[in-house]
Amino acid sequence: MKTTDSVGDMESIRKALGAGTINYYGFSYGTYLGQVYSTLHPDRVRRMVWDGIVNPVDVWYDANLSQDIQFDKNIKIYFDWIAKHDDVYHLGTDGAAIEDRYYFIQQQLRRHPFGTLGPDEWNDIFVGAAYYVYGWEDVAQVFAAAAAGDLGPARDSYGDPTGPGTDNGYANYLAVQCTDAQWPQGWGMWAKDNWALHQTSPFLTWNNAWYNAPCRYWPARAGTPVDVNGARVPGVLLIEETNDAATPWAGAIEVRQRYPGAVLIEGVGGTTHAGSLSGVSCTDDRIAAYLLTGARPARLSGNRSDVQCEPVPPPDPAPAAGAAARAGSSSAIQDRLPADLRRIITQATAAG
């Protein structure tokens, strides 16, 4: 199920609707889908917004290695945030010491799992905190309870990994990842690369490796990634936070270089992946203006962002009722979309 197959589906939909060009808003992998579509069908692009930019050079083995480095940096930023709020979480005032406590609990769970909660599940609970600022307060509450000896909230937060749709979503992820490009088949390269990364970036490295390990054995024939080229594509609006771990910053710069008409908005210092439409007016107002009128900020010289905005802000440290269920996952776009912006997007797309 290669990305080019999905591009073909998009073209079928466009033709069925009788649309000469398309408007497109892509998050995360959706940015790569947009890159491939626009490369193959540049004359069919009207307006495109890409948030959380996949690096087309790294599809897909190297992309996961790049993620591991930034995820480790981001979890340290998160532990520093917890340290600033010791009056709420009582985990200490030193981020490095809090990180040590995280790994201490993980080692305890390796020796003595708490029912269905082991070291891997403990790690999974925290991955969302390195992806986004959404749910930071809830993960911190789980951490505080575990540090006090109560692992029940951690077990409850992890939930049921066999819930409806979980396996299907993972299978679809693998079908794309494993067939878009050839993965290394020999275990030697995987072991060498991941053990080396684990020495300096242990937080996600082996989690990420095992998550993608089925690509070693995927039975469908892998393809060759499209050489992404935006030379003939009209202006694209790119959104990226400086410390996005899922799609590291280098990808945004690479895509900006490949699309001469692209403009890049940077959420300076932010750690949230694909976080537009979260209420940061500096970013969201420019997105709305672009979708409504086609207006974009000026493109600057050099390999840099063209506009610098504040990032998605960290949450209030006070726990939010019912928010624990959202920890570790991005909020739905509809939940993040202010009514006025929703109206503008609807108007823009209706304009044809």
Protein backbone atom coordinates (compact mmCIF):
# COMPACT_ATOMS: atom_id res chain seq x y z
CA MET A 1 0.00 0.00 0.00
CA LYS A 2 2.50 2.54 -1.22
CA THR A 3 2.06 6.30 -0.96
CA THR A 4 1.78 6.36 -4.74
CA ASP A 5 -1.29 4.11 -4.43
CA SER A 6 -2.95 6.67 -2.17
CA VAL A 7 -2.01 9.40 -4.65
CA GLY A 8 -3.82 7.39 -7.31
CA ASP A 9 -6.87 7.22 -5.04
CA MET A 10 -6.75 10.99 -4.57
CA GLU A 11 -6.69 11.48 -8.32
CA SER A 12 -9.70 9.19 -8.71
CA ILE A 13 -11.61 11.24 -6.14
CA ARG A 14 -10.64 14.50 -7.83
CA LYS A 15 -11.84 13.24 -11.21
CA ALA A 16 -15.07 11.87 -9.76
CA LEU A 17 -15.81 15.27 -8.21
CA GLY A 18 -14.95 17.08 -11.42
CA ALA A 19 -12.45 19.30 -9.62
CA GLY A 20 -9.68 20.84 -11.69
CA THR A 21 -7.43 21.42 -8.68
CA ILE A 22 -7.44 20.41 -5.03
CA ASN A 23 -7.01 22.08 -1.64
CA TYR A 24 -5.08 19.92 0.80
CA TYR A 25 -4.21 20.07 4.51
CA GLY A 26 -1.72 17.40 5.55
CA PHE A 27 -0.47 16.54 9.02
CA SER A 28 2.61 14.34 9.65
CA TYR A 29 2.58 11.48 7.09
CA GLY A 30 -0.01 13.59 5.28
CA THR A 31 2.79 16.02 4.44
CA TYR A 32 4.65 13.27 2.61
CA LEU A 33 1.47 12.21 0.81
CA GLY A 34 1.11 15.86 -0.24
CA GLN A 35 4.72 15.96 -1.43
CA VAL A 36 4.27 12.90 -3.61
CA TYR A 37 0.91 14.06 -4.96
CA SER A 38 2.22 17.51 -5.84
CA THR A 39 5.34 16.04 -7.46
CA LEU A 40 3.31 13.74 -9.69
CA HIS A 41 0.42 16.17 -10.32
CA PRO A 42 1.75 19.73 -9.88
CA ASP A 43 -0.91 21.17 -12.19
CA ARG A 44 -3.66 19.83 -9.91
CA VAL A 45 -2.54 21.79 -6.83
CA ARG A 46 -4.47 24.87 -5.74
CA ARG A 47 -3.46 25.40 -2.09
CA MET A 48 -1.63 23.09 0.28
CA VAL A 49 -0.80 23.35 3.99
CA TRP A 50 1.67 20.84 5.45
CA ASP A 51 2.24 20.61 9.19
CA GLY A 52 4.89 18.33 10.72
CA ILE A 53 7.08 17.92 7.65
CA VAL A 54 8.35 14.47 6.67
CA ASN A 55 11.87 14.53 5.23
CA PRO A 56 11.64 12.88 1.79
CA VAL A 57 15.33 11.96 1.96
CA ASP A 58 14.77 9.63 4.95
CA VAL A 59 11.88 7.41 3.84
CA TRP A 60 11.59 5.38 6.06
CA TYR A 61 14.39 3.55 7.91
CA ASP A 62 16.55 6.63 8.43
CA ALA A 63 13.51 8.68 9.44
CA ASN A 64 13.01 6.50 12.48
CA LEU A 65 16.65 6.79 13.51
CA SER A 66 16.40 10.59 13.27
CA GLN A 67 13.29 10.52 15.44
CA ASP A 68 15.10 8.71 18.24
CA ILE A 69 17.57 11.54 18.75
CA GLN A 70 14.97 14.29 19.02
CA PHE A 71 12.58 12.23 21.15
CA ASP A 72 15.31 11.83 23.72
CA LYS A 73 15.86 15.60 23.76
CA ASN A 74 12.13 16.24 24.06
CA ILE A 75 11.56 13.95 27.02
CA LYS A 76 14.31 15.86 28.83
CA ILE A 77 12.45 19.11 28.06
CA TYR A 78 9.33 17.52 29.52
CA PHE A 79 11.09 16.40 32.70
CA ASP A 80 12.44 19.94 33.09
CA TRP A 81 8.83 21.19 32.87
CA ILE A 82 7.82 18.78 35.64
CA ALA A 83 10.74 20.08 37.72
CA LYS A 84 9.41 23.64 37.38
CA HIS A 85 6.15 22.48 38.94
CA ASP A 86 7.43 20.56 41.92
CA ASP A 87 4.75 22.28 44.00
CA VAL A 88 2.17 20.28 42.02
CA TYR A 89 3.86 16.96 41.27
CA HIS A 90 6.44 16.66 44.08
CA LEU A 91 8.93 14.84 41.86
CA GLY A 92 11.83 17.18 42.56
CA THR A 93 13.23 20.38 41.13
CA ASP A 94 15.94 18.87 38.92
CA GLY A 95 14.96 17.55 35.49
CA ALA A 96 17.92 15.17 35.25
CA ALA A 97 17.05 13.62 38.61
CA ILE A 98 13.43 13.23 37.49
CA GLU A 99 14.65 11.48 34.34
CA ASP A 100 16.68 9.11 36.50
CA ARG A 101 13.54 8.33 38.50
CA TYR A 102 11.68 7.53 35.28
CA TYR A 103 14.34 4.96 34.33
CA PHE A 104 14.47 3.60 37.89
CA ILE A 105 10.74 2.82 37.79
CA GLN A 106 11.17 1.29 34.33
CA GLN A 107 13.86 -1.05 35.69
CA GLN A 108 11.63 -1.98 38.62
CA LEU A 109 8.87 -2.91 36.20
CA ARG A 110 11.32 -4.99 34.18
CA ARG A 111 12.01 -7.07 37.27
CA HIS A 112 8.48 -6.98 38.68
CA PRO A 113 5.70 -6.14 36.20
CA PHE A 114 2.51 -4.75 37.68
CA GLY A 115 -0.04 -7.02 36.04
CA THR A 116 -0.15 -6.01 32.37
CA LEU A 117 2.11 -3.01 33.02
CA GLY A 118 5.76 -3.69 32.28
CA PRO A 119 8.75 -1.57 31.20
CA ASP A 120 7.56 -1.29 27.60
CA GLU A 121 4.09 -0.13 28.58
CA TRP A 122 5.65 2.37 31.00
CA ASN A 123 7.71 3.79 28.14
CA ASP A 124 4.66 3.98 25.86
CA ILE A 125 2.80 6.12 28.40
CA PHE A 126 5.51 8.78 28.19
CA VAL A 127 6.01 8.78 24.42
CA GLY A 128 3.07 11.13 23.95
CA ALA A 129 4.73 13.71 26.21
CA ALA A 130 7.67 13.82 23.81
CA TYR A 131 5.33 14.11 20.81
CA TYR A 132 3.12 16.96 22.04
CA VAL A 133 2.44 19.27 24.95
CA TYR A 134 -1.15 18.01 24.95
CA GLY A 135 -1.66 15.89 28.05
CA TRP A 136 1.60 16.82 29.78
CA GLU A 137 -0.22 17.38 33.06
CA ASP A 138 -1.92 13.98 32.92
CA VAL A 139 1.27 12.02 32.32
CA ALA A 140 2.88 13.93 35.18
CA GLN A 141 0.06 12.87 37.49
CA VAL A 142 0.59 9.24 36.46
CA PHE A 143 4.33 9.65 37.10
CA ALA A 144 3.76 11.22 40.51
CA ALA A 145 1.46 8.39 41.58
CA ALA A 146 3.97 5.76 40.44
CA ALA A 147 6.80 7.49 42.27
CA ALA A 148 4.65 7.34 45.41
CA GLY A 149 4.15 3.60 44.93
CA ASP A 150 0.78 3.56 43.16
CA LEU A 151 1.05 2.03 39.67
CA GLY A 152 -2.70 1.79 39.19
CA PRO A 153 -3.02 5.12 37.32
CA ALA A 154 -0.19 4.08 34.96
CA ARG A 155 -1.89 0.78 34.19
CA ASP A 156 -5.19 2.56 33.62
CA SER A 157 -3.55 5.23 31.44
CA TYR A 158 -1.99 2.63 29.18
CA GLY A 159 -5.40 1.08 28.65
CA ASP A 160 -6.19 -1.89 26.43
CA PRO A 161 -3.78 -2.22 23.48
CA THR A 162 -6.13 -4.74 21.86
CA GLY A 163 -9.04 -2.31 21.66
CA PRO A 164 -11.18 -1.91 18.53
CA GLY A 165 -9.24 -0.68 15.52
CA THR A 166 -5.81 -0.80 17.14
CA ASP A 167 -4.49 -3.74 15.17
CA ASN A 168 -6.00 -2.48 11.92
CA GLY A 169 -4.34 0.91 12.33
CA TYR A 170 -0.95 -0.68 12.98
CA ALA A 171 -1.33 -3.00 10.00
CA ASN A 172 -2.09 -0.05 7.71
CA TYR A 173 0.90 1.84 9.07
CA LEU A 174 3.16 -1.11 8.29
CA ALA A 175 1.64 -1.64 4.85
CA VAL A 176 2.76 1.85 3.87
CA GLN A 177 6.08 2.00 5.71
CA CYS A 178 7.22 -1.42 4.59
CA THR A 179 6.32 -1.06 0.91
CA ASP A 180 7.18 2.59 0.17
CA ALA A 181 10.88 1.76 0.35
CA GLN A 182 13.16 -1.19 1.00
CA TRP A 183 14.21 -1.67 4.64
CA PRO A 184 17.50 -3.34 5.62
CA GLN A 185 16.92 -7.09 5.60
CA GLY A 186 19.93 -8.12 7.64
CA TRP A 187 19.63 -7.78 11.41
CA GLY A 188 23.25 -6.68 11.68
CA MET A 189 22.55 -3.16 10.43
CA TRP A 190 19.51 -2.76 12.68
CA ALA A 191 21.46 -3.95 15.73
CA LYS A 192 24.48 -1.75 15.00
CA ASP A 193 22.44 1.41 14.38
CA ASN A 194 20.03 0.99 17.27
CA TRP A 195 22.57 -0.07 19.88
CA ALA A 196 24.71 2.93 18.91
CA LEU A 197 21.74 5.29 19.27
CA HIS A 198 20.67 3.65 22.51
CA GLN A 199 23.93 4.75 24.13
CA THR A 200 23.05 8.44 23.77
CA SER A 201 19.29 8.43 23.10
CA PRO A 202 17.76 5.51 25.00
CA PHE A 203 14.24 6.86 25.50
CA LEU A 204 12.62 5.68 22.25
CA THR A 205 15.31 3.88 20.28
CA TRP A 206 14.38 0.24 20.87
CA ASN A 207 10.67 1.02 21.12
CA ASN A 208 10.91 2.47 17.62
CA ALA A 209 13.03 -0.37 16.28
CA TRP A 210 10.67 -3.11 17.41
CA TYR A 211 7.63 -1.16 16.23
CA ASN A 212 9.01 -1.18 12.69
CA ALA A 213 10.72 -4.58 12.81
CA PRO A 214 7.99 -6.33 10.75
CA CYS A 215 9.36 -4.44 7.75
CA ARG A 216 12.29 -6.86 7.77
CA TYR A 217 9.92 -9.65 6.78
CA TRP A 218 7.08 -7.84 4.98
CA PRO A 219 6.04 -10.14 2.11
CA ALA A 220 4.96 -7.47 -0.40
CA ARG A 221 7.61 -6.12 -2.74
CA ALA A 222 8.93 -2.71 -1.72
CA GLY A 223 8.98 0.19 -4.15
CA THR A 224 11.31 3.09 -4.78
CA PRO A 225 10.44 6.44 -3.16
CA VAL A 226 9.41 9.24 -5.50
CA ASP A 227 12.04 11.93 -6.02
CA VAL A 228 10.09 14.81 -4.49
CA ASN A 229 10.30 17.93 -6.64
CA GLY A 230 8.24 21.06 -6.09
CA ALA A 231 9.68 23.19 -8.88
CA ARG A 232 6.33 23.38 -10.70
CA VAL A 233 4.12 23.51 -7.62
CA PRO A 234 2.41 26.78 -6.62
CA GLY A 235 3.01 28.16 -3.15
CA VAL A 236 2.79 25.73 -0.25
CA LEU A 237 2.50 26.76 3.41
CA LEU A 238 4.79 24.75 5.71
CA ILE A 239 4.35 24.57 9.50
CA GLU A 240 6.94 23.10 11.87
CA GLU A 241 7.93 23.46 15.52
CA THR A 242 11.66 23.67 16.15
CA ASN A 243 11.86 20.51 18.25
CA ASP A 244 9.24 18.37 16.53
CA ALA A 245 10.47 14.84 17.26
CA ALA A 246 8.24 12.78 14.97
CA THR A 247 9.30 14.84 11.94
CA PRO A 248 12.55 16.59 12.89
CA TRP A 249 13.37 20.11 11.78
CA ALA A 250 15.76 19.07 9.00
CA GLY A 251 12.78 17.74 7.05
CA ALA A 252 11.10 21.13 6.97
CA ILE A 253 14.26 22.75 5.63
CA GLU A 254 14.72 20.01 3.04
CA VAL A 255 11.17 20.40 1.73
CA ARG A 256 11.43 24.19 1.70
CA GLN A 257 14.53 23.82 -0.49
CA ARG A 258 12.68 21.51 -2.89
CA TYR A 259 9.67 23.83 -3.20
CA PRO A 260 10.79 27.28 -4.39
CA GLY A 261 7.31 28.66 -3.74
CA ALA A 262 7.04 27.32 -0.20
CA VAL A 263 7.01 29.46 2.95
CA LEU A 264 7.88 28.01 6.36
CA ILE A 265 6.31 29.10 9.65
CA GLU A 266 8.31 28.00 12.70
CA GLY A 267 6.92 27.49 16.18
CA VAL A 268 10.11 28.58 17.89
CA GLY A 269 11.34 26.21 20.59
CA GLY A 270 8.18 24.08 20.50
CA THR A 271 8.08 20.30 20.94
CA THR A 272 4.60 19.65 19.53
CA HIS A 273 4.23 17.55 16.40
CA ALA A 274 1.76 18.84 13.79
CA GLY A 275 0.29 21.34 16.24
CA SER A 276 -1.36 23.93 14.01
CA LEU A 277 -5.00 24.86 14.65
CA SER A 278 -4.28 24.80 18.38
CA GLY A 279 -5.11 28.45 18.96
CA VAL A 280 -1.74 30.11 18.31
CA SER A 281 -2.96 33.13 16.37
CA CYS A 282 0.45 33.92 14.84
CA THR A 283 0.30 30.58 13.01
CA ASP A 284 -3.42 29.96 12.63
CA ASP A 285 -4.27 33.43 11.30
CA ARG A 286 -1.71 33.02 8.53
CA ILE A 287 -3.13 29.62 7.65
CA ALA A 288 -6.62 31.09 7.49
CA ALA A 289 -5.48 33.98 5.29
CA TYR A 290 -3.67 31.63 2.93
CA LEU A 291 -6.63 29.28 2.56
CA LEU A 292 -9.05 32.14 2.06
CA THR A 293 -7.06 34.38 -0.30
CA GLY A 294 -3.83 32.56 -1.23
CA ALA A 295 -1.79 35.22 0.58
CA ARG A 296 1.47 33.96 2.05
CA PRO A 297 4.26 35.61 4.01
CA ALA A 298 7.35 36.67 2.08
CA ARG A 299 9.98 34.01 1.49
CA LEU A 300 13.36 34.94 2.95
CA SER A 301 16.79 34.03 1.64
CA GLY A 302 18.77 31.18 3.13
CA ASN A 303 17.85 27.82 4.64
CA ARG A 304 15.68 29.03 7.48
CA SER A 305 12.11 29.66 8.50
CA ASP A 306 10.34 32.64 6.96
CA VAL A 307 8.09 33.47 9.92
CA GLN A 308 8.77 32.84 13.60
CA CYS A 309 5.78 32.30 15.90
CA GLU A 310 5.32 31.17 19.46
CA PRO A 311 4.84 27.40 19.82
CA VAL A 312 1.82 25.57 21.17
CA PRO A 313 2.07 26.47 24.88
CA PRO A 314 2.50 23.90 27.63
CA PRO A 315 -0.66 23.26 29.66
CA ASP A 316 -1.54 24.53 33.09
CA PRO A 317 0.11 22.10 35.51
CA ALA A 318 -3.16 21.57 37.36
CA PRO A 319 -4.74 18.25 36.27
CA ALA A 320 -7.68 18.57 33.90
CA ALA A 321 -10.67 16.36 34.60
CA GLY A 322 -11.06 13.62 32.05
CA ALA A 323 -7.95 14.58 30.13
CA ALA A 324 -5.99 11.45 31.05
CA ALA A 325 -7.65 9.53 28.27
CA ARG A 326 -6.13 11.97 25.80
CA ALA A 327 -2.57 11.68 27.08
CA GLY A 328 -0.22 10.35 24.44
CA SER A 329 -2.47 11.07 21.49
CA SER A 330 -3.14 14.13 19.39
CA SER A 331 -6.47 15.82 19.85
CA ALA A 332 -8.93 15.60 17.00
CA ILE A 333 -8.64 18.40 14.46
CA GLN A 334 -12.25 19.40 15.05
CA ASP A 335 -11.49 19.81 18.77
CA ARG A 336 -8.51 22.04 17.94
CA LEU A 337 -10.31 24.15 15.35
CA PRO A 338 -11.81 27.45 16.54
CA ALA A 339 -15.22 28.22 15.08
CA ASP A 340 -14.02 31.25 13.10
CA LEU A 341 -11.16 29.32 11.54
CA ARG A 342 -13.47 26.43 10.68
CA ARG A 343 -15.76 28.91 8.90
CA ILE A 344 -12.84 30.44 6.96
CA ILE A 345 -11.58 27.04 5.85
CA THR A 346 -15.07 26.07 4.74
CA GLN A 347 -15.37 29.30 2.75
CA ALA A 348 -11.95 28.82 1.17
CA THR A 349 -12.60 25.26 0.04
CA ALA A 350 -16.06 26.17 -1.24
CA ALA A 351 -14.49 28.86 -3.41
CA GLY A 352 -13.08 26.10 -5.64
